Structure formats: C-alpha cells, structure tokens
Amino acid sequence: MIQLNNVTKSYHTERIETLALDAVTLSIADGEFVAIMGPSGCGKTTLLNLMGLLDTPDAGELLLDDQSIGGQSDRKLSRLRNRKIGFVFQSFHLVQDLNVVDNVEVPLLYRPGVSGRERRRLAREALDQVGLSSRIFHFPNQLSGGQQQRVAVARAIVGAPQILLADEPTGNLDSRMGDEIMDLLKQRHDAGSTVVMVTHDQRMADCADRTVRLFDGRQVQ
C-alpha cells in the first residue's frame, strides 16, 4: 500500500539545514497496522506527512498503492489524499466555528458527487461509531480533550479511507481516553484500513502488527 525507496527530506532556514529523513526505505502492506517510534526530532512526523502526501521528498521515491507520487500536481495529490487517506492529528485541528457534525463533514465537501444529505448521513454514522451521537451540535470548545479527539477520529474515518494516519493520537489524553482512541483505531483496522501511527507510548505500539523505530532520520529497527 505504501512504499518508500531511499527517501530523504531536509528542512532549511537561512543558516541551518536539518536532515529530517536520511535514505529511508520502508514498505507497508495493505491492511497492516504499523507503529512508528523514536525520540523527539527523529523524523517520525515528517515520515507520516510524506505518507499522507502533505509533503514531498527531496530525493528517493514514494509510491502509494503502486502509483508513483513523484511529479504529480498539487491538484492530483489533493484528490488522492481526499479519496484514500484519513488523518488523526495530536492537536485535533478542529474548526472552532463549526459544530461537531459540520467538522466531520469537512472532508466530504471536497469529494465530488456527495450530496448534502449524504454528507450529513455519513457524518452522523461516523459520530455514532465514536460514541458522540448526542453531541453533534456542540462546538469544539464545549467538549473535553478526549471528546475532541474522538471527533477528529470521526472526521478521519467518515470517507472510509484505505489508509489511516495518526500522529500521537493519544499523546494529550489520560490513559482511559487513550485506550478508547486506540480501540477506535483498531476497529478501523479490523474494517480493512491500513493504519500507521506515530507514538511515544510502548503500550500503544504493542497494539500494532509491527513497530518501525527511527533515530536521527534513519530507520534503525
């Protein structure tokens, strides 16, 4: 499903070049659940952003579902991202001016052929899956951190993505709420999605099929 071949990525400021990923080669199979671990600054989030087509490598090759991403236009990458990939971010990234159900509908606004009635139906179904059907008209600032993360999960799964990417999805939550979020990710995996999760928590990583460890931008295990 995801293949990286000798992928390198650097970030530049006026004076400093930071090598985030250094010739990483990694293959993730369709339907696999992979955890990515390593110390802060080792390239975990950069790797996830490349897999999610939010960024492009400086060198090397990235393939998504056997399709090379190199040289494709921003418009085509956006369509691929919207059709195939769901994101769960550590800091939620909910739109504060939209209520819960409208937040969940956002990815479907950019998907051709989905009517307003269908968007609302799918958003309600996703919220029911995460146990928030009674909060659909609340706004993010009226929810707890755990509830906001569940809204973020609902938004990520509303389009039934083939790939679900999660960046420290339990990092800001207590253990009980963290376990609930992990249960939701496992449910999505059981439904057939390929799941890639960045985490610092070994207990959460143990839920995955395997763990990839990074250190200083290189895959070490």
Protein backbone atom coordinates (compact mmCIF):
# COMPACT_ATOMS: atom_id res chain seq x y z
CA MET A 1 0.00 0.00 0.00
CA ILE A 2 2.85 2.42 0.88
CA GLN A 3 6.42 2.14 -0.38
CA LEU A 4 9.34 4.48 0.31
CA ASN A 5 12.62 3.89 -1.51
CA ASN A 6 15.71 5.75 -0.23
CA VAL A 7 13.58 8.75 0.75
CA THR A 8 15.41 11.83 2.02
CA LYS A 9 13.88 15.03 3.37
CA SER A 10 15.58 18.18 4.69
CA TYR A 11 14.26 21.46 6.07
CA HIS A 12 16.08 24.74 5.53
CA THR A 13 16.31 28.06 7.33
CA GLU A 14 18.53 30.95 6.34
CA ARG A 15 21.52 29.44 8.18
CA ILE A 16 20.73 25.83 9.00
CA GLU A 17 19.82 22.70 7.07
CA THR A 18 18.15 19.98 9.15
CA LEU A 19 18.13 16.45 7.75
CA ALA A 20 14.79 15.01 8.87
CA LEU A 21 14.91 11.71 6.96
CA ASP A 22 18.04 10.08 5.59
CA ALA A 23 17.59 7.44 2.86
CA VAL A 24 14.63 5.68 4.48
CA THR A 25 13.32 2.57 2.74
CA LEU A 26 10.08 1.18 4.12
CA SER A 27 7.22 -0.96 2.84
CA ILE A 28 3.77 -1.10 4.46
CA ALA A 29 1.37 -3.75 3.24
CA ASP A 30 -2.32 -3.31 2.53
CA GLY A 31 -4.25 -3.83 5.76
CA GLU A 32 -1.23 -3.65 8.05
CA PHE A 33 -1.12 -1.76 11.38
CA VAL A 34 2.31 -0.17 11.87
CA ALA A 35 3.57 1.89 14.80
CA ILE A 36 6.42 4.38 14.31
CA MET A 37 8.54 5.15 17.38
CA GLY A 38 11.69 7.09 18.21
CA PRO A 39 12.92 10.11 20.19
CA SER A 40 11.64 13.63 19.54
CA GLY A 41 13.07 15.13 16.37
CA CYS A 42 13.97 11.80 14.77
CA GLY A 43 11.70 12.29 11.74
CA LYS A 44 8.51 10.45 12.75
CA THR A 45 6.07 13.23 11.85
CA THR A 46 7.98 14.04 8.66
CA LEU A 47 7.65 10.40 7.62
CA LEU A 48 3.91 10.47 8.33
CA ASN A 49 3.47 13.73 6.38
CA LEU A 50 5.21 12.21 3.36
CA MET A 51 2.99 9.12 3.51
CA GLY A 52 -0.04 11.40 3.73
CA LEU A 53 1.03 13.49 0.70
CA LEU A 54 1.22 16.60 2.87
CA ASP A 55 4.87 16.98 1.87
CA THR A 56 7.17 15.69 -0.86
CA PRO A 57 10.63 14.09 -0.53
CA ASP A 58 13.80 15.83 -1.68
CA ALA A 59 15.14 12.55 -3.06
CA GLY A 60 14.01 8.97 -3.41
CA GLU A 61 10.69 7.53 -4.48
CA LEU A 62 7.29 7.34 -2.79
CA LEU A 63 4.60 5.00 -4.10
CA LEU A 64 1.02 4.87 -2.91
CA ASP A 65 -0.97 1.78 -3.92
CA ASP A 66 1.75 1.03 -6.55
CA GLN A 67 1.40 4.53 -8.03
CA SER A 68 4.47 6.79 -8.02
CA ILE A 69 3.79 10.17 -6.43
CA GLY A 70 6.77 11.95 -7.96
CA GLY A 71 5.96 14.82 -10.33
CA GLN A 72 2.21 14.81 -9.73
CA SER A 73 0.41 18.13 -9.47
CA ASP A 74 -0.88 19.56 -6.20
CA ARG A 75 -4.43 19.13 -7.50
CA LYS A 76 -3.94 15.43 -8.21
CA LEU A 77 -2.23 14.88 -4.85
CA SER A 78 -5.16 16.59 -3.13
CA ARG A 79 -7.62 14.27 -4.87
CA LEU A 80 -5.58 11.21 -3.88
CA ARG A 81 -5.34 12.43 -0.30
CA ASN A 82 -9.07 13.09 -0.07
CA ARG A 83 -10.04 9.76 -1.61
CA LYS A 84 -7.58 7.40 0.09
CA ILE A 85 -6.26 8.92 3.33
CA GLY A 86 -7.67 9.90 6.71
CA PHE A 87 -5.67 11.89 9.30
CA VAL A 88 -5.80 12.00 13.09
CA PHE A 89 -3.62 14.79 14.48
CA GLN A 90 -2.36 15.10 18.04
CA SER A 91 -3.75 18.64 18.40
CA PHE A 92 -7.15 17.74 16.87
CA HIS A 93 -7.21 20.60 14.26
CA LEU A 94 -10.97 21.04 14.57
CA VAL A 95 -12.60 24.16 13.12
CA GLN A 96 -13.71 26.08 16.18
CA ASP A 97 -16.52 27.94 14.39
CA LEU A 98 -18.17 24.72 13.20
CA ASN A 99 -20.21 22.36 15.31
CA VAL A 100 -19.24 18.70 15.67
CA VAL A 101 -21.23 17.27 12.75
CA ASP A 102 -20.09 20.06 10.42
CA ASN A 103 -16.47 19.40 11.39
CA VAL A 104 -16.87 15.73 10.49
CA GLU A 105 -18.43 16.62 7.14
CA VAL A 106 -15.44 18.75 6.04
CA PRO A 107 -13.52 16.03 4.08
CA LEU A 108 -16.68 15.14 2.16
CA LEU A 109 -17.12 18.74 0.96
CA TYR A 110 -14.20 18.12 -1.40
CA ARG A 111 -15.43 14.76 -2.69
CA PRO A 112 -17.37 15.02 -5.96
CA GLY A 113 -20.87 13.61 -6.14
CA VAL A 114 -21.64 13.56 -2.40
CA SER A 115 -24.87 15.43 -1.70
CA GLY A 116 -25.52 17.47 1.42
CA ARG A 117 -27.97 14.85 2.66
CA GLU A 118 -25.42 12.07 2.12
CA ARG A 119 -22.69 14.06 3.89
CA ARG A 120 -24.90 14.53 6.90
CA ARG A 121 -25.84 10.84 6.98
CA LEU A 122 -22.21 9.68 6.77
CA ALA A 123 -21.10 12.21 9.41
CA ARG A 124 -23.81 11.05 11.82
CA GLU A 125 -22.80 7.41 11.26
CA ALA A 126 -19.14 8.23 11.96
CA LEU A 127 -20.07 10.10 15.14
CA ASP A 128 -22.21 7.19 16.25
CA GLN A 129 -19.19 4.89 15.82
CA VAL A 130 -17.12 7.08 18.17
CA GLY A 131 -19.95 7.42 20.70
CA LEU A 132 -20.73 11.10 20.14
CA SER A 133 -24.16 10.97 18.51
CA SER A 134 -25.57 13.04 21.39
CA ARG A 135 -23.04 15.87 20.87
CA ILE A 136 -23.39 16.57 17.16
CA PHE A 137 -24.46 20.20 17.59
CA HIS A 138 -21.90 21.07 20.26
CA PHE A 139 -18.87 23.16 19.36
CA PRO A 140 -15.27 22.02 20.00
CA ASN A 141 -14.81 24.36 22.99
CA GLN A 142 -17.77 22.62 24.67
CA LEU A 143 -16.03 19.23 24.58
CA SER A 144 -13.31 17.58 26.63
CA GLY A 145 -9.96 16.73 25.08
CA GLY A 146 -10.94 13.10 24.68
CA GLN A 147 -14.22 14.04 23.02
CA GLN A 148 -12.42 16.39 20.62
CA GLN A 149 -10.04 13.61 19.66
CA ARG A 150 -13.00 11.32 19.01
CA VAL A 151 -14.45 13.98 16.71
CA ALA A 152 -11.09 14.06 14.93
CA VAL A 153 -11.24 10.27 14.52
CA ALA A 154 -14.79 10.51 13.15
CA ARG A 155 -13.64 13.13 10.64
CA ALA A 156 -10.74 10.86 9.61
CA ILE A 157 -12.93 7.79 9.03
CA VAL A 158 -16.02 9.45 7.54
CA GLY A 159 -14.86 8.76 3.99
CA ALA A 160 -13.89 5.12 4.74
CA PRO A 161 -10.20 5.74 3.89
CA GLN A 162 -7.90 2.97 2.72
CA ILE A 163 -5.12 4.50 4.80
CA LEU A 164 -5.48 5.99 8.28
CA LEU A 165 -2.54 8.04 9.58
CA ALA A 166 -2.42 9.01 13.26
CA ASP A 167 0.20 11.34 14.78
CA GLU A 168 0.43 10.81 18.56
CA PRO A 169 -3.36 10.31 18.74
CA THR A 170 -3.26 9.58 22.49
CA GLY A 171 -0.46 11.97 23.44
CA ASN A 172 -2.68 14.61 25.06
CA LEU A 173 -5.09 12.20 26.74
CA ASP A 174 -5.29 10.32 30.01
CA SER A 175 -4.93 6.54 29.92
CA ARG A 176 -8.68 5.81 29.81
CA MET A 177 -9.32 8.19 26.93
CA GLY A 178 -6.17 6.95 25.21
CA ASP A 179 -7.44 3.39 25.37
CA GLU A 180 -10.75 4.49 23.84
CA ILE A 181 -8.96 6.15 20.92
CA MET A 182 -6.84 3.04 20.38
CA ASP A 183 -9.99 0.91 20.32
CA LEU A 184 -11.35 3.15 17.56
CA LEU A 185 -8.15 2.81 15.51
CA LYS A 186 -8.23 -0.97 15.95
CA GLN A 187 -11.85 -1.04 14.81
CA ARG A 188 -10.87 0.83 11.65
CA HIS A 189 -8.00 -1.61 11.12
CA ASP A 190 -10.36 -4.56 11.58
CA ALA A 191 -12.61 -2.97 8.93
CA GLY A 192 -9.75 -3.15 6.42
CA SER A 193 -7.86 0.13 6.65
CA THR A 194 -4.06 0.29 6.62
CA VAL A 195 -3.14 2.14 9.85
CA VAL A 196 0.15 3.95 10.51
CA MET A 197 0.52 5.52 13.96
CA VAL A 198 3.28 7.66 15.45
CA THR A 199 3.54 7.18 19.20
CA HIS A 200 5.89 7.53 22.17
CA ASP A 201 3.87 5.01 24.18
CA GLN A 202 5.12 1.42 24.00
CA ARG A 203 1.79 0.19 25.35
CA MET A 204 0.01 1.73 22.36
CA ALA A 205 2.67 0.47 19.93
CA ASP A 206 2.08 -3.06 21.21
CA CYS A 207 -1.39 -2.87 19.60
CA ALA A 208 0.21 -2.72 16.14
CA ASP A 209 1.33 -5.62 13.93
CA ARG A 210 4.90 -4.30 13.99
CA THR A 211 6.95 -1.30 15.07
CA VAL A 212 9.34 0.79 12.97
CA ARG A 213 11.95 2.69 15.00
CA LEU A 214 13.71 5.84 13.80
CA PHE A 215 16.79 7.56 15.14
CA ASP A 216 18.30 10.73 13.63
CA GLY A 217 16.24 10.34 10.49
CA ARG A 218 17.24 6.73 9.84
CA GLN A 219 15.32 3.52 10.27
CA VAL A 220 17.18 1.53 12.93
CA GLN A 221 14.76 -1.34 13.54
